[in-house]
mmCIF file of all heavy atoms, coordinates in Angstrom:
data_MODEL
# 
_entry.id   MODEL 
# 
loop_
_atom_site.group_PDB 
_atom_site.id 
_atom_site.type_symbol 
_atom_site.label_atom_id 
_atom_site.label_alt_id 
_atom_site.label_comp_id 
_atom_site.label_asym_id 
_atom_site.label_entity_id 
_atom_site.label_seq_id 
_atom_site.pdbx_PDB_ins_code 
_atom_site.Cartn_x 
_atom_site.Cartn_y 
_atom_site.Cartn_z 
_atom_site.occupancy 
_atom_site.B_iso_or_equiv 
_atom_site.pdbx_formal_charge 
_atom_site.auth_seq_id 
_atom_site.auth_comp_id 
_atom_site.auth_asym_id 
_atom_site.auth_atom_id 
_atom_site.pdbx_PDB_model_num 
ATOM 1   N N   . GLU A 1 1  ? -156.852 -62.942 118.286 1.00 0.00 ? 1  GLU A N   1 
ATOM 2   C CA  . GLU A 1 1  ? -157.340 -61.571 118.204 1.00 0.00 ? 1  GLU A CA  1 
ATOM 3   C C   . GLU A 1 1  ? -158.041 -61.274 116.884 1.00 0.00 ? 1  GLU A C   1 
ATOM 4   O O   . GLU A 1 1  ? -157.937 -62.059 115.948 1.00 0.00 ? 1  GLU A O   1 
ATOM 5   C CB  . GLU A 1 1  ? -156.186 -60.577 118.378 1.00 0.00 ? 1  GLU A CB  1 
ATOM 6   C CG  . GLU A 1 1  ? -156.139 -59.968 119.772 1.00 0.00 ? 1  GLU A CG  1 
ATOM 7   C CD  . GLU A 1 1  ? -157.376 -59.372 120.247 1.00 0.00 ? 1  GLU A CD  1 
ATOM 8   O OE1 . GLU A 1 1  ? -158.255 -59.036 119.427 1.00 0.00 ? 1  GLU A OE1 1 
ATOM 9   O OE2 . GLU A 1 1  ? -157.595 -59.289 121.480 1.00 0.00 ? 1  GLU A OE2 1 
ATOM 10  N N   . TYR A 1 2  ? -158.710 -60.159 116.853 1.00 0.00 ? 2  TYR A N   1 
ATOM 11  C CA  . TYR A 1 2  ? -159.167 -59.625 115.584 1.00 0.00 ? 2  TYR A CA  1 
ATOM 12  C C   . TYR A 1 2  ? -157.955 -59.160 114.794 1.00 0.00 ? 2  TYR A C   1 
ATOM 13  O O   . TYR A 1 2  ? -156.878 -58.910 115.323 1.00 0.00 ? 2  TYR A O   1 
ATOM 14  C CB  . TYR A 1 2  ? -160.110 -58.428 115.775 1.00 0.00 ? 2  TYR A CB  1 
ATOM 15  C CG  . TYR A 1 2  ? -161.481 -58.823 116.238 1.00 0.00 ? 2  TYR A CG  1 
ATOM 16  C CD1 . TYR A 1 2  ? -161.857 -58.640 117.570 1.00 0.00 ? 2  TYR A CD1 1 
ATOM 17  C CD2 . TYR A 1 2  ? -162.377 -59.335 115.342 1.00 0.00 ? 2  TYR A CD2 1 
ATOM 18  C CE1 . TYR A 1 2  ? -163.189 -58.931 117.997 1.00 0.00 ? 2  TYR A CE1 1 
ATOM 19  C CE2 . TYR A 1 2  ? -163.697 -59.643 115.761 1.00 0.00 ? 2  TYR A CE2 1 
ATOM 20  C CZ  . TYR A 1 2  ? -164.069 -59.483 117.019 1.00 0.00 ? 2  TYR A CZ  1 
ATOM 21  O OH  . TYR A 1 2  ? -165.326 -59.836 117.445 1.00 0.00 ? 2  TYR A OH  1 
ATOM 22  N N   . ALA A 1 3  ? -158.183 -59.031 113.465 1.00 0.00 ? 3  ALA A N   1 
ATOM 23  C CA  . ALA A 1 3  ? -157.140 -58.515 112.603 1.00 0.00 ? 3  ALA A CA  1 
ATOM 24  C C   . ALA A 1 3  ? -157.820 -57.773 111.420 1.00 0.00 ? 3  ALA A C   1 
ATOM 25  O O   . ALA A 1 3  ? -159.053 -57.910 111.287 1.00 0.00 ? 3  ALA A O   1 
ATOM 26  C CB  . ALA A 1 3  ? -156.236 -59.626 112.025 1.00 0.00 ? 3  ALA A CB  1 
ATOM 27  N N   . ARG A 1 4  ? -157.066 -57.046 110.673 1.00 0.00 ? 4  ARG A N   1 
ATOM 28  C CA  . ARG A 1 4  ? -157.671 -56.309 109.572 1.00 0.00 ? 4  ARG A CA  1 
ATOM 29  C C   . ARG A 1 4  ? -157.898 -57.317 108.383 1.00 0.00 ? 4  ARG A C   1 
ATOM 30  O O   . ARG A 1 4  ? -156.913 -57.905 107.898 1.00 0.00 ? 4  ARG A O   1 
ATOM 31  C CB  . ARG A 1 4  ? -156.724 -55.183 109.076 1.00 0.00 ? 4  ARG A CB  1 
ATOM 32  C CG  . ARG A 1 4  ? -157.378 -54.260 108.107 1.00 0.00 ? 4  ARG A CG  1 
ATOM 33  C CD  . ARG A 1 4  ? -156.425 -53.142 107.722 1.00 0.00 ? 4  ARG A CD  1 
ATOM 34  N NE  . ARG A 1 4  ? -157.073 -52.144 106.917 1.00 0.00 ? 4  ARG A NE  1 
ATOM 35  C CZ  . ARG A 1 4  ? -156.447 -51.112 106.313 1.00 0.00 ? 4  ARG A CZ  1 
ATOM 36  N NH1 . ARG A 1 4  ? -155.113 -51.019 106.464 1.00 0.00 ? 4  ARG A NH1 1 
ATOM 37  N NH2 . ARG A 1 4  ? -157.092 -50.208 105.622 1.00 0.00 ? 4  ARG A NH2 1 
ATOM 38  N N   . PRO A 1 5  ? -159.143 -57.502 107.938 1.00 0.00 ? 5  PRO A N   1 
ATOM 39  C CA  . PRO A 1 5  ? -159.387 -58.439 106.884 1.00 0.00 ? 5  PRO A CA  1 
ATOM 40  C C   . PRO A 1 5  ? -158.690 -58.024 105.566 1.00 0.00 ? 5  PRO A C   1 
ATOM 41  O O   . PRO A 1 5  ? -158.307 -56.945 105.357 1.00 0.00 ? 5  PRO A O   1 
ATOM 42  C CB  . PRO A 1 5  ? -160.888 -58.411 106.783 1.00 0.00 ? 5  PRO A CB  1 
ATOM 43  C CG  . PRO A 1 5  ? -161.441 -57.852 108.028 1.00 0.00 ? 5  PRO A CG  1 
ATOM 44  C CD  . PRO A 1 5  ? -160.329 -56.856 108.470 1.00 0.00 ? 5  PRO A CD  1 
ATOM 45  N N   . ALA A 1 6  ? -158.584 -59.063 104.722 1.00 0.00 ? 6  ALA A N   1 
ATOM 46  C CA  . ALA A 1 6  ? -158.029 -58.802 103.408 1.00 0.00 ? 6  ALA A CA  1 
ATOM 47  C C   . ALA A 1 6  ? -158.984 -57.826 102.602 1.00 0.00 ? 6  ALA A C   1 
ATOM 48  O O   . ALA A 1 6  ? -160.149 -57.667 102.871 1.00 0.00 ? 6  ALA A O   1 
ATOM 49  C CB  . ALA A 1 6  ? -158.009 -60.070 102.607 1.00 0.00 ? 6  ALA A CB  1 
ATOM 50  N N   . ALA A 1 7  ? -158.381 -57.147 101.635 1.00 0.00 ? 7  ALA A N   1 
ATOM 51  C CA  . ALA A 1 7  ? -159.118 -56.113 100.865 1.00 0.00 ? 7  ALA A CA  1 
ATOM 52  C C   . ALA A 1 7  ? -160.364 -56.690 100.169 1.00 0.00 ? 7  ALA A C   1 
ATOM 53  O O   . ALA A 1 7  ? -161.328 -55.961 99.983  1.00 0.00 ? 7  ALA A O   1 
ATOM 54  C CB  . ALA A 1 7  ? -158.178 -55.512 99.850  1.00 0.00 ? 7  ALA A CB  1 
ATOM 55  N N   . TRP A 1 8  ? -160.330 -57.992 99.830  1.00 0.00 ? 8  TRP A N   1 
ATOM 56  C CA  . TRP A 1 8  ? -161.455 -58.592 99.085  1.00 0.00 ? 8  TRP A CA  1 
ATOM 57  C C   . TRP A 1 8  ? -162.579 -58.970 100.091 1.00 0.00 ? 8  TRP A C   1 
ATOM 58  O O   . TRP A 1 8  ? -163.648 -59.256 99.617  1.00 0.00 ? 8  TRP A O   1 
ATOM 59  C CB  . TRP A 1 8  ? -161.014 -59.780 98.308  1.00 0.00 ? 8  TRP A CB  1 
ATOM 60  C CG  . TRP A 1 8  ? -160.331 -60.858 99.149  1.00 0.00 ? 8  TRP A CG  1 
ATOM 61  C CD1 . TRP A 1 8  ? -158.968 -60.985 99.193  1.00 0.00 ? 8  TRP A CD1 1 
ATOM 62  C CD2 . TRP A 1 8  ? -160.920 -61.868 99.954  1.00 0.00 ? 8  TRP A CD2 1 
ATOM 63  N NE1 . TRP A 1 8  ? -158.683 -62.103 100.048 1.00 0.00 ? 8  TRP A NE1 1 
ATOM 64  C CE2 . TRP A 1 8  ? -159.864 -62.644 100.486 1.00 0.00 ? 8  TRP A CE2 1 
ATOM 65  C CE3 . TRP A 1 8  ? -162.275 -62.195 100.256 1.00 0.00 ? 8  TRP A CE3 1 
ATOM 66  C CZ2 . TRP A 1 8  ? -160.096 -63.733 101.375 1.00 0.00 ? 8  TRP A CZ2 1 
ATOM 67  C CZ3 . TRP A 1 8  ? -162.435 -63.317 101.105 1.00 0.00 ? 8  TRP A CZ3 1 
ATOM 68  C CH2 . TRP A 1 8  ? -161.405 -63.989 101.657 1.00 0.00 ? 8  TRP A CH2 1 
ATOM 69  N N   . ASN A 1 9  ? -162.280 -58.984 101.366 1.00 0.00 ? 9  ASN A N   1 
ATOM 70  C CA  . ASN A 1 9  ? -163.282 -59.459 102.366 1.00 0.00 ? 9  ASN A CA  1 
ATOM 71  C C   . ASN A 1 9  ? -164.265 -58.401 102.722 1.00 0.00 ? 9  ASN A C   1 
ATOM 72  O O   . ASN A 1 9  ? -163.894 -57.331 103.213 1.00 0.00 ? 9  ASN A O   1 
ATOM 73  C CB  . ASN A 1 9  ? -162.520 -59.869 103.655 1.00 0.00 ? 9  ASN A CB  1 
ATOM 74  C CG  . ASN A 1 9  ? -163.431 -60.612 104.659 1.00 0.00 ? 9  ASN A CG  1 
ATOM 75  O OD1 . ASN A 1 9  ? -164.601 -60.519 104.602 1.00 0.00 ? 9  ASN A OD1 1 
ATOM 76  N ND2 . ASN A 1 9  ? -162.787 -61.321 105.550 1.00 0.00 ? 9  ASN A ND2 1 
ATOM 77  N N   . PRO A 1 10 ? -165.564 -58.574 102.447 1.00 0.00 ? 10 PRO A N   1 
ATOM 78  C CA  . PRO A 1 10 ? -166.550 -57.530 102.805 1.00 0.00 ? 10 PRO A CA  1 
ATOM 79  C C   . PRO A 1 10 ? -166.514 -57.108 104.274 1.00 0.00 ? 10 PRO A C   1 
ATOM 80  O O   . PRO A 1 10 ? -166.918 -56.022 104.577 1.00 0.00 ? 10 PRO A O   1 
ATOM 81  C CB  . PRO A 1 10 ? -167.854 -58.221 102.448 1.00 0.00 ? 10 PRO A CB  1 
ATOM 82  C CG  . PRO A 1 10 ? -167.540 -59.245 101.435 1.00 0.00 ? 10 PRO A CG  1 
ATOM 83  C CD  . PRO A 1 10 ? -166.181 -59.757 101.839 1.00 0.00 ? 10 PRO A CD  1 
ATOM 84  N N   . MET A 1 11 ? -166.075 -58.035 105.159 1.00 0.00 ? 11 MET A N   1 
ATOM 85  C CA  . MET A 1 11 ? -165.989 -57.678 106.581 1.00 0.00 ? 11 MET A CA  1 
ATOM 86  C C   . MET A 1 11 ? -165.074 -56.522 106.826 1.00 0.00 ? 11 MET A C   1 
ATOM 87  O O   . MET A 1 11 ? -165.209 -55.819 107.830 1.00 0.00 ? 11 MET A O   1 
ATOM 88  C CB  . MET A 1 11 ? -165.527 -58.889 107.388 1.00 0.00 ? 11 MET A CB  1 
ATOM 89  C CG  . MET A 1 11 ? -166.503 -60.027 107.466 1.00 0.00 ? 11 MET A CG  1 
ATOM 90  S SD  . MET A 1 11 ? -167.974 -59.541 108.379 1.00 0.00 ? 11 MET A SD  1 
ATOM 91  C CE  . MET A 1 11 ? -168.923 -61.010 108.375 1.00 0.00 ? 11 MET A CE  1 
ATOM 92  N N   . ARG A 1 12 ? -164.118 -56.307 105.955 1.00 0.00 ? 12 ARG A N   1 
ATOM 93  C CA  . ARG A 1 12 ? -163.170 -55.187 106.159 1.00 0.00 ? 12 ARG A CA  1 
ATOM 94  C C   . ARG A 1 12 ? -163.957 -53.839 106.163 1.00 0.00 ? 12 ARG A C   1 
ATOM 95  O O   . ARG A 1 12 ? -163.552 -52.871 106.808 1.00 0.00 ? 12 ARG A O   1 
ATOM 96  C CB  . ARG A 1 12 ? -162.164 -55.199 105.014 1.00 0.00 ? 12 ARG A CB  1 
ATOM 97  C CG  . ARG A 1 12 ? -161.117 -54.053 105.077 1.00 0.00 ? 12 ARG A CG  1 
ATOM 98  C CD  . ARG A 1 12 ? -159.971 -54.352 104.194 1.00 0.00 ? 12 ARG A CD  1 
ATOM 99  N NE  . ARG A 1 12 ? -158.961 -53.285 104.240 1.00 0.00 ? 12 ARG A NE  1 
ATOM 100 C CZ  . ARG A 1 12 ? -157.726 -53.426 103.782 1.00 0.00 ? 12 ARG A CZ  1 
ATOM 101 N NH1 . ARG A 1 12 ? -157.278 -54.586 103.412 1.00 0.00 ? 12 ARG A NH1 1 
ATOM 102 N NH2 . ARG A 1 12 ? -156.890 -52.379 103.797 1.00 0.00 ? 12 ARG A NH2 1 
ATOM 103 N N   . TYR A 1 13 ? -165.066 -53.790 105.374 1.00 0.00 ? 13 TYR A N   1 
ATOM 104 C CA  . TYR A 1 13 ? -165.806 -52.552 105.251 1.00 0.00 ? 13 TYR A CA  1 
ATOM 105 C C   . TYR A 1 13 ? -167.117 -52.538 106.040 1.00 0.00 ? 13 TYR A C   1 
ATOM 106 O O   . TYR A 1 13 ? -167.511 -51.506 106.511 1.00 0.00 ? 13 TYR A O   1 
ATOM 107 C CB  . TYR A 1 13 ? -166.105 -52.385 103.767 1.00 0.00 ? 13 TYR A CB  1 
ATOM 108 C CG  . TYR A 1 13 ? -164.865 -52.555 102.910 1.00 0.00 ? 13 TYR A CG  1 
ATOM 109 C CD1 . TYR A 1 13 ? -164.718 -53.789 102.229 1.00 0.00 ? 13 TYR A CD1 1 
ATOM 110 C CD2 . TYR A 1 13 ? -163.847 -51.643 102.850 1.00 0.00 ? 13 TYR A CD2 1 
ATOM 111 C CE1 . TYR A 1 13 ? -163.565 -54.041 101.496 1.00 0.00 ? 13 TYR A CE1 1 
ATOM 112 C CE2 . TYR A 1 13 ? -162.730 -51.873 102.039 1.00 0.00 ? 13 TYR A CE2 1 
ATOM 113 C CZ  . TYR A 1 13 ? -162.546 -53.068 101.401 1.00 0.00 ? 13 TYR A CZ  1 
ATOM 114 O OH  . TYR A 1 13 ? -161.439 -53.302 100.672 1.00 0.00 ? 13 TYR A OH  1 
ATOM 115 N N   . LEU A 1 14 ? -167.676 -53.731 106.235 1.00 0.00 ? 14 LEU A N   1 
ATOM 116 C CA  . LEU A 1 14 ? -168.974 -53.840 106.928 1.00 0.00 ? 14 LEU A CA  1 
ATOM 117 C C   . LEU A 1 14 ? -168.839 -53.892 108.457 1.00 0.00 ? 14 LEU A C   1 
ATOM 118 O O   . LEU A 1 14 ? -169.679 -53.380 109.162 1.00 0.00 ? 14 LEU A O   1 
ATOM 119 C CB  . LEU A 1 14 ? -169.758 -55.015 106.424 1.00 0.00 ? 14 LEU A CB  1 
ATOM 120 C CG  . LEU A 1 14 ? -170.108 -55.015 104.943 1.00 0.00 ? 14 LEU A CG  1 
ATOM 121 C CD1 . LEU A 1 14 ? -170.862 -56.330 104.552 1.00 0.00 ? 14 LEU A CD1 1 
ATOM 122 C CD2 . LEU A 1 14 ? -170.998 -53.826 104.602 1.00 0.00 ? 14 LEU A CD2 1 
ATOM 123 N N   . PHE A 1 15 ? -167.753 -54.559 108.865 1.00 0.00 ? 15 PHE A N   1 
ATOM 124 C CA  . PHE A 1 15 ? -167.635 -54.873 110.315 1.00 0.00 ? 15 PHE A CA  1 
ATOM 125 C C   . PHE A 1 15 ? -166.951 -53.721 111.058 1.00 0.00 ? 15 PHE A C   1 
ATOM 126 O O   . PHE A 1 15 ? -167.120 -53.557 112.268 1.00 0.00 ? 15 PHE A O   1 
ATOM 127 C CB  . PHE A 1 15 ? -166.885 -56.204 110.490 1.00 0.00 ? 15 PHE A CB  1 
ATOM 128 C CG  . PHE A 1 15 ? -167.108 -56.809 111.876 1.00 0.00 ? 15 PHE A CG  1 
ATOM 129 C CD1 . PHE A 1 15 ? -168.405 -56.920 112.347 1.00 0.00 ? 15 PHE A CD1 1 
ATOM 130 C CD2 . PHE A 1 15 ? -166.077 -57.314 112.593 1.00 0.00 ? 15 PHE A CD2 1 
ATOM 131 C CE1 . PHE A 1 15 ? -168.615 -57.508 113.604 1.00 0.00 ? 15 PHE A CE1 1 
ATOM 132 C CE2 . PHE A 1 15 ? -166.249 -57.917 113.847 1.00 0.00 ? 15 PHE A CE2 1 
ATOM 133 C CZ  . PHE A 1 15 ? -167.560 -58.024 114.375 1.00 0.00 ? 15 PHE A CZ  1 
ATOM 134 N N   . ALA A 1 16 ? -166.082 -52.920 110.326 1.00 0.00 ? 16 ALA A N   1 
ATOM 135 C CA  . ALA A 1 16 ? -165.298 -51.884 111.019 1.00 0.00 ? 16 ALA A CA  1 
ATOM 136 C C   . ALA A 1 16 ? -166.279 -50.873 111.727 1.00 0.00 ? 16 ALA A C   1 
ATOM 137 O O   . ALA A 1 16 ? -165.963 -50.473 112.877 1.00 0.00 ? 16 ALA A O   1 
ATOM 138 C CB  . ALA A 1 16 ? -164.408 -51.165 110.021 1.00 0.00 ? 16 ALA A CB  1 
ATOM 139 N N   . PRO A 1 17 ? -167.333 -50.446 111.095 1.00 0.00 ? 17 PRO A N   1 
ATOM 140 C CA  . PRO A 1 17 ? -168.188 -49.470 111.771 1.00 0.00 ? 17 PRO A CA  1 
ATOM 141 C C   . PRO A 1 17 ? -168.818 -50.122 113.008 1.00 0.00 ? 17 PRO A C   1 
ATOM 142 O O   . PRO A 1 17 ? -169.055 -49.352 114.012 1.00 0.00 ? 17 PRO A O   1 
ATOM 143 C CB  . PRO A 1 17 ? -169.304 -49.161 110.759 1.00 0.00 ? 17 PRO A CB  1 
ATOM 144 C CG  . PRO A 1 17 ? -168.661 -49.463 109.439 1.00 0.00 ? 17 PRO A CG  1 
ATOM 145 C CD  . PRO A 1 17 ? -167.768 -50.622 109.710 1.00 0.00 ? 17 PRO A CD  1 
ATOM 146 N N   . ILE A 1 18 ? -169.161 -51.410 113.002 1.00 0.00 ? 18 ILE A N   1 
ATOM 147 C CA  . ILE A 1 18 ? -169.716 -52.066 114.158 1.00 0.00 ? 18 ILE A CA  1 
ATOM 148 C C   . ILE A 1 18 ? -168.704 -52.057 115.345 1.00 0.00 ? 18 ILE A C   1 
ATOM 149 O O   . ILE A 1 18 ? -169.025 -51.756 116.505 1.00 0.00 ? 18 ILE A O   1 
ATOM 150 C CB  . ILE A 1 18 ? -170.188 -53.435 113.852 1.00 0.00 ? 18 ILE A CB  1 
ATOM 151 C CG1 . ILE A 1 18 ? -171.233 -53.447 112.772 1.00 0.00 ? 18 ILE A CG1 1 
ATOM 152 C CG2 . ILE A 1 18 ? -170.614 -54.246 115.082 1.00 0.00 ? 18 ILE A CG2 1 
ATOM 153 C CD1 . ILE A 1 18 ? -171.641 -54.789 112.252 1.00 0.00 ? 18 ILE A CD1 1 
ATOM 154 N N   . LEU A 1 19 ? -167.462 -52.445 115.025 1.00 0.00 ? 19 LEU A N   1 
ATOM 155 C CA  . LEU A 1 19 ? -166.418 -52.468 116.037 1.00 0.00 ? 19 LEU A CA  1 
ATOM 156 C C   . LEU A 1 19 ? -166.170 -51.074 116.588 1.00 0.00 ? 19 LEU A C   1 
ATOM 157 O O   . LEU A 1 19 ? -165.920 -50.919 117.767 1.00 0.00 ? 19 LEU A O   1 
ATOM 158 C CB  . LEU A 1 19 ? -165.153 -53.026 115.403 1.00 0.00 ? 19 LEU A CB  1 
ATOM 159 C CG  . LEU A 1 19 ? -165.075 -54.558 115.244 1.00 0.00 ? 19 LEU A CG  1 
ATOM 160 C CD1 . LEU A 1 19 ? -163.722 -54.934 114.713 1.00 0.00 ? 19 LEU A CD1 1 
ATOM 161 C CD2 . LEU A 1 19 ? -165.296 -55.265 116.540 1.00 0.00 ? 19 LEU A CD2 1 
ATOM 162 N N   . SER A 1 20 ? -166.228 -50.056 115.739 1.00 0.00 ? 20 SER A N   1 
ATOM 163 C CA  . SER A 1 20 ? -165.940 -48.730 116.180 1.00 0.00 ? 20 SER A CA  1 
ATOM 164 C C   . SER A 1 20 ? -166.914 -48.248 117.240 1.00 0.00 ? 20 SER A C   1 
ATOM 165 O O   . SER A 1 20 ? -166.536 -47.387 118.069 1.00 0.00 ? 20 SER A O   1 
ATOM 166 C CB  . SER A 1 20 ? -165.903 -47.715 115.004 1.00 0.00 ? 20 SER A CB  1 
ATOM 167 O OG  . SER A 1 20 ? -167.163 -47.602 114.488 1.00 0.00 ? 20 SER A OG  1 
ATOM 168 N N   . VAL A 1 21 ? -168.112 -48.781 117.209 1.00 0.00 ? 21 VAL A N   1 
ATOM 169 C CA  . VAL A 1 21 ? -169.158 -48.425 118.177 1.00 0.00 ? 21 VAL A CA  1 
ATOM 170 C C   . VAL A 1 21 ? -169.089 -49.353 119.428 1.00 0.00 ? 21 VAL A C   1 
ATOM 171 O O   . VAL A 1 21 ? -169.032 -48.864 120.573 1.00 0.00 ? 21 VAL A O   1 
ATOM 172 C CB  . VAL A 1 21 ? -170.572 -48.531 117.551 1.00 0.00 ? 21 VAL A CB  1 
ATOM 173 C CG1 . VAL A 1 21 ? -171.609 -48.229 118.639 1.00 0.00 ? 21 VAL A CG1 1 
ATOM 174 C CG2 . VAL A 1 21 ? -170.619 -47.470 116.459 1.00 0.00 ? 21 VAL A CG2 1 
ATOM 175 N N   . LEU A 1 22 ? -169.065 -50.632 119.228 1.00 0.00 ? 22 LEU A N   1 
ATOM 176 C CA  . LEU A 1 22 ? -169.150 -51.573 120.306 1.00 0.00 ? 22 LEU A CA  1 
ATOM 177 C C   . LEU A 1 22 ? -167.788 -51.931 120.914 1.00 0.00 ? 22 LEU A C   1 
ATOM 178 O O   . LEU A 1 22 ? -167.711 -52.269 122.109 1.00 0.00 ? 22 LEU A O   1 
ATOM 179 C CB  . LEU A 1 22 ? -169.801 -52.926 119.811 1.00 0.00 ? 22 LEU A CB  1 
ATOM 180 C CG  . LEU A 1 22 ? -171.204 -52.792 119.341 1.00 0.00 ? 22 LEU A CG  1 
ATOM 181 C CD1 . LEU A 1 22 ? -171.717 -54.123 118.876 1.00 0.00 ? 22 LEU A CD1 1 
ATOM 182 C CD2 . LEU A 1 22 ? -172.099 -52.202 120.420 1.00 0.00 ? 22 LEU A CD2 1 
ATOM 183 N N   . GLU A 1 23 ? -166.736 -51.819 120.142 1.00 0.00 ? 23 GLU A N   1 
ATOM 184 C CA  . GLU A 1 23 ? -165.407 -52.195 120.596 1.00 0.00 ? 23 GLU A CA  1 
ATOM 185 C C   . GLU A 1 23 ? -164.465 -51.003 120.254 1.00 0.00 ? 23 GLU A C   1 
ATOM 186 O O   . GLU A 1 23 ? -163.734 -51.064 119.235 1.00 0.00 ? 23 GLU A O   1 
ATOM 187 C CB  . GLU A 1 23 ? -164.859 -53.464 119.869 1.00 0.00 ? 23 GLU A CB  1 
ATOM 188 C CG  . GLU A 1 23 ? -165.753 -54.656 120.072 1.00 0.00 ? 23 GLU A CG  1 
ATOM 189 C CD  . GLU A 1 23 ? -165.459 -55.388 121.349 1.00 0.00 ? 23 GLU A CD  1 
ATOM 190 O OE1 . GLU A 1 23 ? -164.718 -54.925 122.169 1.00 0.00 ? 23 GLU A OE1 1 
ATOM 191 O OE2 . GLU A 1 23 ? -166.017 -56.561 121.528 1.00 0.00 ? 23 GLU A OE2 1 
ATOM 192 N N   . PRO A 1 24 ? -164.491 -49.922 121.019 1.00 0.00 ? 24 PRO A N   1 
ATOM 193 C CA  . PRO A 1 24 ? -163.768 -48.676 120.589 1.00 0.00 ? 24 PRO A CA  1 
ATOM 194 C C   . PRO A 1 24 ? -162.292 -48.753 120.430 1.00 0.00 ? 24 PRO A C   1 
ATOM 195 O O   . PRO A 1 24 ? -161.675 -47.850 119.841 1.00 0.00 ? 24 PRO A O   1 
ATOM 196 C CB  . PRO A 1 24 ? -164.157 -47.690 121.672 1.00 0.00 ? 24 PRO A CB  1 
ATOM 197 C CG  . PRO A 1 24 ? -164.527 -48.529 122.889 1.00 0.00 ? 24 PRO A CG  1 
ATOM 198 C CD  . PRO A 1 24 ? -165.131 -49.758 122.324 1.00 0.00 ? 24 PRO A CD  1 
ATOM 199 N N   . PHE A 1 25 ? -161.627 -49.792 120.986 1.00 0.00 ? 25 PHE A N   1 
ATOM 200 C CA  . PHE A 1 25 ? -160.190 -49.924 120.880 1.00 0.00 ? 25 PHE A CA  1 
ATOM 201 C C   . PHE A 1 25 ? -159.759 -50.988 119.847 1.00 0.00 ? 25 PHE A C   1 
ATOM 202 O O   . PHE A 1 25 ? -158.617 -51.135 119.589 1.00 0.00 ? 25 PHE A O   1 
ATOM 203 C CB  . PHE A 1 25 ? -159.639 -50.269 122.206 1.00 0.00 ? 25 PHE A CB  1 
ATOM 204 C CG  . PHE A 1 25 ? -160.074 -49.392 123.377 1.00 0.00 ? 25 PHE A CG  1 
ATOM 205 C CD1 . PHE A 1 25 ? -160.960 -49.945 124.304 1.00 0.00 ? 25 PHE A CD1 1 
ATOM 206 C CD2 . PHE A 1 25 ? -159.860 -48.068 123.380 1.00 0.00 ? 25 PHE A CD2 1 
ATOM 207 C CE1 . PHE A 1 25 ? -161.447 -49.175 125.348 1.00 0.00 ? 25 PHE A CE1 1 
ATOM 208 C CE2 . PHE A 1 25 ? -160.321 -47.280 124.426 1.00 0.00 ? 25 PHE A CE2 1 
ATOM 209 C CZ  . PHE A 1 25 ? -161.134 -47.821 125.433 1.00 0.00 ? 25 PHE A CZ  1 
ATOM 210 N N   . ALA A 1 26 ? -160.759 -51.663 119.282 1.00 0.00 ? 26 ALA A N   1 
ATOM 211 C CA  . ALA A 1 26 ? -160.425 -52.805 118.401 1.00 0.00 ? 26 ALA A CA  1 
ATOM 212 C C   . ALA A 1 26 ? -159.736 -52.439 117.133 1.00 0.00 ? 26 ALA A C   1 
ATOM 213 O O   . ALA A 1 26 ? -158.891 -53.167 116.626 1.00 0.00 ? 26 ALA A O   1 
ATOM 214 C CB  . ALA A 1 26 ? -161.704 -53.575 118.044 1.00 0.00 ? 26 ALA A CB  1 
ATOM 215 N N   . LEU A 1 27 ? -160.067 -51.297 116.550 1.00 0.00 ? 27 LEU A N   1 
ATOM 216 C CA  . LEU A 1 27 ? -159.431 -50.923 115.287 1.00 0.00 ? 27 LEU A CA  1 
ATOM 217 C C   . LEU A 1 27 ? -157.989 -50.633 115.411 1.00 0.00 ? 27 LEU A C   1 
ATOM 218 O O   . LEU A 1 27 ? -157.204 -50.681 114.479 1.00 0.00 ? 27 LEU A O   1 
ATOM 219 C CB  . LEU A 1 27 ? -160.171 -49.681 114.718 1.00 0.00 ? 27 LEU A CB  1 
ATOM 220 C CG  . LEU A 1 27 ? -161.666 -50.002 114.281 1.00 0.00 ? 27 LEU A CG  1 
ATOM 221 C CD1 . LEU A 1 27 ? -162.243 -48.748 113.638 1.00 0.00 ? 27 LEU A CD1 1 
ATOM 222 C CD2 . LEU A 1 27 ? -161.755 -51.130 113.342 1.00 0.00 ? 27 LEU A CD2 1 
ATOM 223 N N   . GLU A 1 28 ? -157.537 -50.288 116.618 1.00 0.00 ? 28 GLU A N   1 
ATOM 224 C CA  . GLU A 1 28 ? -156.093 -50.143 116.894 1.00 0.00 ? 28 GLU A CA  1 
ATOM 225 C C   . GLU A 1 28 ? -155.369 -51.425 116.614 1.00 0.00 ? 28 GLU A C   1 
ATOM 226 O O   . GLU A 1 28 ? -154.243 -51.495 116.092 1.00 0.00 ? 28 GLU A O   1 
ATOM 227 C CB  . GLU A 1 28 ? -155.822 -49.673 118.294 1.00 0.00 ? 28 GLU A CB  1 
ATOM 228 C CG  . GLU A 1 28 ? -156.350 -48.311 118.651 1.00 0.00 ? 28 GLU A CG  1 
ATOM 229 C CD  . GLU A 1 28 ? -156.192 -47.909 120.057 1.00 0.00 ? 28 GLU A CD  1 
ATOM 230 O OE1 . GLU A 1 28 ? -155.523 -48.776 120.796 1.00 0.00 ? 28 GLU A OE1 1 
ATOM 231 O OE2 . GLU A 1 28 ? -156.581 -46.830 120.498 1.00 0.00 ? 28 GLU A OE2 1 
# 
């Protein structure tokens, strides 16, 4: 599964908005 990236990982901040649009349940 997906998981919440480490704080140092840029994906934590860049990928979350993408998932919120394309994968509306993923952030849960």
